[in-house]
Amino acid sequence: DSNSWLGWLESILKWLLTFFYSLIPNYGVAIILLTILIKLVLQPFSKKSMESTAKMAALNPQMSELREKYKDNPTKLNQEMSELYKKEKINPLGGCLPMLFQFPIFIALYGLLNKHFELRGAMFIPGWITDLSLPETIFNFAPLSLPVIGSNIRLLPILYVTSMILSFKINQTGAQQGGMSGKMMMLGMPIMFFFILYNAPSGLLLYWMVMNFITIGQQLLVNRKKSRGELDPEPKKFVYKGKKS
């Protein structure tokens, strides 16, 4: 562990997993509890991300106006967009903050699942997830074999991709999607991750899937409060008056 650049993070995650396992002796449950704890620690950044998304959504009409006005002048469009973000104190990359913090945790957990001896052969759900350090299988159609997928149908990557698409869809409700490119990203990224993580340890997919479902729950709550008018009591705060040219 110490040889890895994220060895210190692996050690922390290992200690926490062992602690949760001592409370409930099931490493699958321990991973879920660890996920909830990480989500709580990252909550300030998630809140910032959701606020950033809400602000972008509030600016949607002005952004559409600018896109239409400067559709033949990309340089001017970028300049006007930058001024709009600056004026309204919005960081367009603000929504990416949780992902930046999640990435090292994801890498450290992957390392831990491969190295932590107790996780080898650790069962979560009998008959389905029988070893958290290995991929699970719900159906095997050997001797037939497909590229990447091989002969095994795995349920966790399918559930993970479903949670990812739902998360994108709910996060972007009412926000500017950038038309076709937004839809491509919403479907393209999950499909790409589906193939990348298809043979990943089931414990890693369990962590990422639970994280997505907690985020979905949070965003649904935010959307519900917003629709009831409990959030952003003054939505017209973000008003942009374009420069006369």
Protein backbone atom coordinates (compact mmCIF):
# COMPACT_ATOMS: atom_id res chain seq x y z
CA ASP A 1 0.00 0.00 0.00
CA SER A 2 2.76 2.42 0.89
CA ASN A 3 4.30 2.05 -2.59
CA SER A 4 1.18 3.57 -4.17
CA TRP A 5 0.86 7.37 -4.49
CA LEU A 6 -2.61 6.93 -2.95
CA GLY A 7 -1.37 4.50 -0.29
CA TRP A 8 -2.38 6.86 2.53
CA LEU A 9 -5.95 7.02 1.16
CA GLU A 10 -6.08 3.24 0.74
CA SER A 11 -5.03 2.89 4.41
CA ILE A 12 -7.83 5.24 5.56
CA LEU A 13 -10.43 3.40 3.44
CA LYS A 14 -9.16 0.04 4.72
CA TRP A 15 -9.45 1.20 8.36
CA LEU A 16 -13.00 2.50 7.75
CA LEU A 17 -14.07 -0.69 5.95
CA THR A 18 -12.70 -2.83 8.81
CA PHE A 19 -14.51 -0.59 11.33
CA PHE A 20 -17.87 -0.88 9.51
CA TYR A 21 -17.31 -4.64 9.12
CA SER A 22 -16.86 -4.90 12.91
CA LEU A 23 -20.35 -3.32 13.30
CA ILE A 24 -22.06 -5.43 10.60
CA PRO A 25 -19.99 -8.44 9.46
CA ASN A 26 -20.70 -8.12 5.72
CA TYR A 27 -18.18 -6.33 3.49
CA GLY A 28 -20.93 -5.37 1.00
CA VAL A 29 -22.81 -3.54 3.78
CA ALA A 30 -19.45 -2.06 4.93
CA ILE A 31 -18.87 -0.65 1.39
CA ILE A 32 -22.41 0.88 1.40
CA LEU A 33 -21.77 2.50 4.82
CA LEU A 34 -18.39 3.77 3.59
CA THR A 35 -20.11 5.26 0.52
CA ILE A 36 -22.64 7.09 2.73
CA LEU A 37 -19.81 8.45 4.91
CA ILE A 38 -17.82 9.67 1.85
CA LYS A 39 -21.00 11.29 0.48
CA LEU A 40 -21.48 13.14 3.80
CA VAL A 41 -17.84 14.34 3.78
CA LEU A 42 -18.20 15.57 0.18
CA GLN A 43 -21.61 17.17 0.86
CA PRO A 44 -20.30 20.81 0.88
CA PHE A 45 -18.85 20.28 -2.62
CA SER A 46 -22.01 18.49 -3.82
CA LYS A 47 -24.07 21.44 -2.54
CA LYS A 48 -21.83 23.86 -4.44
CA SER A 49 -22.18 21.72 -7.55
CA MET A 50 -25.99 21.68 -7.30
CA GLU A 51 -26.06 25.45 -6.71
CA SER A 52 -23.87 25.92 -9.79
CA THR A 53 -26.26 23.76 -11.86
CA ALA A 54 -29.26 25.74 -10.54
CA LYS A 55 -27.60 29.07 -11.45
CA MET A 56 -26.79 27.79 -14.94
CA ALA A 57 -30.44 26.72 -15.32
CA ALA A 58 -31.60 30.19 -14.24
CA LEU A 59 -29.38 31.73 -16.95
CA ASN A 60 -30.69 29.38 -19.62
CA PRO A 61 -32.85 32.01 -21.44
CA GLN A 62 -29.98 34.54 -21.58
CA MET A 63 -27.53 31.87 -22.78
CA SER A 64 -29.94 30.76 -25.53
CA GLU A 65 -30.33 34.41 -26.57
CA LEU A 66 -26.55 34.82 -26.83
CA ARG A 67 -26.18 31.58 -28.79
CA GLU A 68 -28.77 32.76 -31.28
CA LYS A 69 -27.36 36.29 -31.52
CA TYR A 70 -23.72 35.19 -32.07
CA LYS A 71 -24.26 31.84 -33.83
CA ASP A 72 -21.99 33.00 -36.68
CA ASN A 73 -19.33 34.45 -34.40
CA PRO A 74 -17.97 31.81 -31.96
CA THR A 75 -15.23 34.11 -30.63
CA LYS A 76 -17.74 36.84 -29.71
CA LEU A 77 -20.08 34.22 -28.26
CA ASN A 78 -17.34 32.88 -25.94
CA GLN A 79 -16.45 36.42 -24.91
CA GLU A 80 -20.07 37.31 -24.09
CA MET A 81 -20.58 34.01 -22.24
CA SER A 82 -17.45 34.63 -20.14
CA GLU A 83 -18.74 38.11 -19.26
CA LEU A 84 -22.11 36.68 -18.28
CA TYR A 85 -20.48 34.05 -16.01
CA LYS A 86 -18.22 36.72 -14.48
CA LYS A 87 -21.10 39.11 -13.86
CA GLU A 88 -23.26 36.47 -12.18
CA LYS A 89 -20.26 34.95 -10.30
CA ILE A 90 -20.71 31.51 -11.86
CA ASN A 91 -18.00 28.94 -12.40
CA PRO A 92 -19.15 26.83 -15.40
CA LEU A 93 -16.96 23.99 -14.11
CA GLY A 94 -18.48 24.20 -10.61
CA GLY A 95 -20.59 21.12 -11.29
CA CYS A 96 -17.42 19.03 -11.75
CA LEU A 97 -16.10 19.57 -8.19
CA PRO A 98 -17.51 16.35 -6.65
CA MET A 99 -16.11 14.31 -9.57
CA LEU A 100 -12.60 15.75 -9.01
CA PHE A 101 -12.67 14.61 -5.37
CA GLN A 102 -14.30 11.28 -6.23
CA PHE A 103 -11.59 10.23 -8.68
CA PRO A 104 -8.73 9.62 -6.14
CA ILE A 105 -11.19 7.75 -3.84
CA PHE A 106 -12.27 5.60 -6.81
CA ILE A 107 -8.62 4.74 -7.66
CA ALA A 108 -7.74 4.03 -3.99
CA LEU A 109 -10.79 1.79 -3.56
CA TYR A 110 -9.88 -0.11 -6.74
CA GLY A 111 -6.37 -0.69 -5.32
CA LEU A 112 -7.82 -1.74 -1.97
CA LEU A 113 -10.22 -4.27 -3.54
CA ASN A 114 -7.25 -5.88 -5.30
CA LYS A 115 -4.94 -5.87 -2.25
CA HIS A 116 -7.10 -6.19 0.87
CA PHE A 117 -6.89 -9.90 1.66
CA GLU A 118 -10.15 -10.00 3.67
CA LEU A 119 -12.11 -8.80 0.63
CA ARG A 120 -11.06 -11.80 -1.46
CA GLY A 121 -13.95 -14.22 -1.38
CA ALA A 122 -16.03 -11.77 0.71
CA MET A 123 -19.70 -12.42 -0.08
CA PHE A 124 -22.34 -9.70 -0.20
CA ILE A 125 -25.48 -11.38 -1.64
CA PRO A 126 -25.44 -15.22 -1.79
CA GLY A 127 -25.93 -16.56 -5.31
CA TRP A 128 -25.16 -13.18 -6.92
CA ILE A 129 -22.26 -11.15 -5.46
CA THR A 130 -20.16 -13.94 -4.00
CA ASP A 131 -16.75 -12.20 -4.14
CA LEU A 132 -16.49 -8.39 -3.85
CA SER A 133 -12.95 -8.43 -5.27
CA LEU A 134 -14.18 -10.03 -8.53
CA PRO A 135 -16.85 -9.19 -11.12
CA GLU A 136 -20.25 -10.88 -10.56
CA THR A 137 -22.14 -12.93 -13.18
CA ILE A 138 -25.88 -13.54 -13.51
CA PHE A 139 -25.72 -15.56 -16.72
CA ASN A 140 -23.02 -17.40 -18.66
CA PHE A 141 -23.54 -18.25 -22.34
CA ALA A 142 -20.24 -20.11 -22.99
CA PRO A 143 -18.92 -21.32 -25.42
CA LEU A 144 -20.20 -18.17 -27.19
CA SER A 145 -18.13 -15.04 -26.53
CA LEU A 146 -18.59 -11.34 -27.33
CA PRO A 147 -15.88 -8.62 -27.49
CA VAL A 148 -15.24 -7.01 -24.03
CA ILE A 149 -18.27 -8.75 -22.50
CA GLY A 150 -16.93 -12.26 -23.08
CA SER A 151 -19.30 -15.08 -22.09
CA ASN A 152 -20.74 -13.42 -18.96
CA ILE A 153 -23.76 -11.19 -18.47
CA ARG A 154 -23.13 -8.96 -15.46
CA LEU A 155 -25.96 -7.11 -13.67
CA LEU A 156 -23.94 -4.56 -11.67
CA PRO A 157 -22.50 -2.72 -14.74
CA ILE A 158 -26.08 -2.50 -16.16
CA LEU A 159 -27.42 -1.09 -12.85
CA TYR A 160 -24.43 1.27 -12.64
CA VAL A 161 -25.02 2.65 -16.16
CA THR A 162 -28.77 3.02 -15.42
CA SER A 163 -27.94 5.00 -12.25
CA MET A 164 -25.47 7.16 -14.22
CA ILE A 165 -28.01 8.01 -16.96
CA LEU A 166 -30.70 8.76 -14.33
CA SER A 167 -28.24 10.95 -12.42
CA PHE A 168 -27.37 12.93 -15.59
CA LYS A 169 -31.05 13.28 -16.53
CA ILE A 170 -32.17 14.49 -13.09
CA ASN A 171 -29.14 16.78 -12.60
CA GLN A 172 -29.76 18.41 -15.93
CA THR A 173 -33.53 18.87 -15.59
CA GLY A 174 -34.17 22.45 -16.51
CA ALA A 175 -30.48 23.12 -17.16
CA GLN A 176 -29.00 24.03 -20.53
CA GLN A 177 -27.94 20.91 -22.39
CA GLY A 178 -26.28 22.40 -25.44
CA GLY A 179 -28.72 20.46 -27.67
CA MET A 180 -27.39 17.33 -29.33
CA SER A 181 -23.95 17.52 -27.63
CA GLY A 182 -25.63 17.39 -24.20
CA LYS A 183 -27.63 14.29 -25.19
CA MET A 184 -24.50 12.67 -26.66
CA MET A 185 -22.65 13.24 -23.36
CA MET A 186 -25.61 11.92 -21.33
CA LEU A 187 -25.57 8.63 -23.25
CA GLY A 188 -21.96 8.50 -24.47
CA MET A 189 -20.26 8.71 -21.06
CA PRO A 190 -22.31 5.93 -19.39
CA ILE A 191 -21.83 3.62 -22.42
CA MET A 192 -18.07 4.28 -22.34
CA PHE A 193 -17.92 3.56 -18.57
CA PHE A 194 -20.04 0.42 -19.07
CA PHE A 195 -17.30 -1.13 -21.21
CA ILE A 196 -14.41 0.26 -19.12
CA LEU A 197 -15.85 -1.08 -15.85
CA TYR A 198 -17.56 -4.22 -17.18
CA ASN A 199 -14.95 -6.51 -15.60
CA ALA A 200 -14.21 -4.31 -12.57
CA PRO A 201 -14.48 -5.75 -9.02
CA SER A 202 -18.14 -5.87 -7.92
CA GLY A 203 -17.26 -3.94 -4.72
CA LEU A 204 -16.12 -0.97 -6.82
CA LEU A 205 -19.31 -0.94 -8.90
CA LEU A 206 -21.37 -1.30 -5.72
CA TYR A 207 -19.66 1.82 -4.28
CA TRP A 208 -20.14 3.90 -7.46
CA MET A 209 -23.76 2.75 -7.95
CA VAL A 210 -24.78 3.56 -4.35
CA MET A 211 -23.05 6.96 -4.71
CA ASN A 212 -25.11 7.67 -7.86
CA PHE A 213 -28.40 6.65 -6.22
CA ILE A 214 -27.72 8.89 -3.17
CA THR A 215 -26.98 11.79 -5.58
CA ILE A 216 -30.22 11.06 -7.46
CA GLY A 217 -32.16 11.17 -4.16
CA GLN A 218 -30.50 14.48 -3.21
CA GLN A 219 -31.20 16.06 -6.60
CA LEU A 220 -34.86 14.90 -6.58
CA LEU A 221 -35.23 16.55 -3.16
CA VAL A 222 -33.64 19.78 -4.45
CA ASN A 223 -35.87 19.73 -7.57
CA ARG A 224 -38.95 19.13 -5.42
CA LYS A 225 -38.11 22.04 -3.09
CA LYS A 226 -37.40 24.21 -6.12
CA SER A 227 -40.76 23.40 -7.74
CA ARG A 228 -42.51 24.27 -4.46
CA GLY A 229 -40.67 27.58 -4.35
CA GLU A 230 -38.77 26.64 -1.17
CA LEU A 231 -35.46 27.32 -2.92
CA ASP A 232 -34.33 30.36 -4.89
CA PRO A 233 -37.16 32.64 -3.77
CA GLU A 234 -35.87 35.23 -6.24
CA PRO A 235 -35.14 33.29 -9.43
CA LYS A 236 -34.99 36.47 -11.48
CA LYS A 237 -31.80 37.48 -9.71
CA PHE A 238 -29.75 36.17 -12.64
CA VAL A 239 -30.62 38.64 -15.35
CA TYR A 240 -28.32 39.49 -18.19
CA LYS A 241 -28.71 42.50 -20.43
CA GLY A 242 -26.56 42.03 -23.50
CA LYS A 243 -24.27 44.80 -24.70
CA LYS A 244 -25.50 46.88 -27.55
CA SER A 245 -23.36 46.30 -30.57
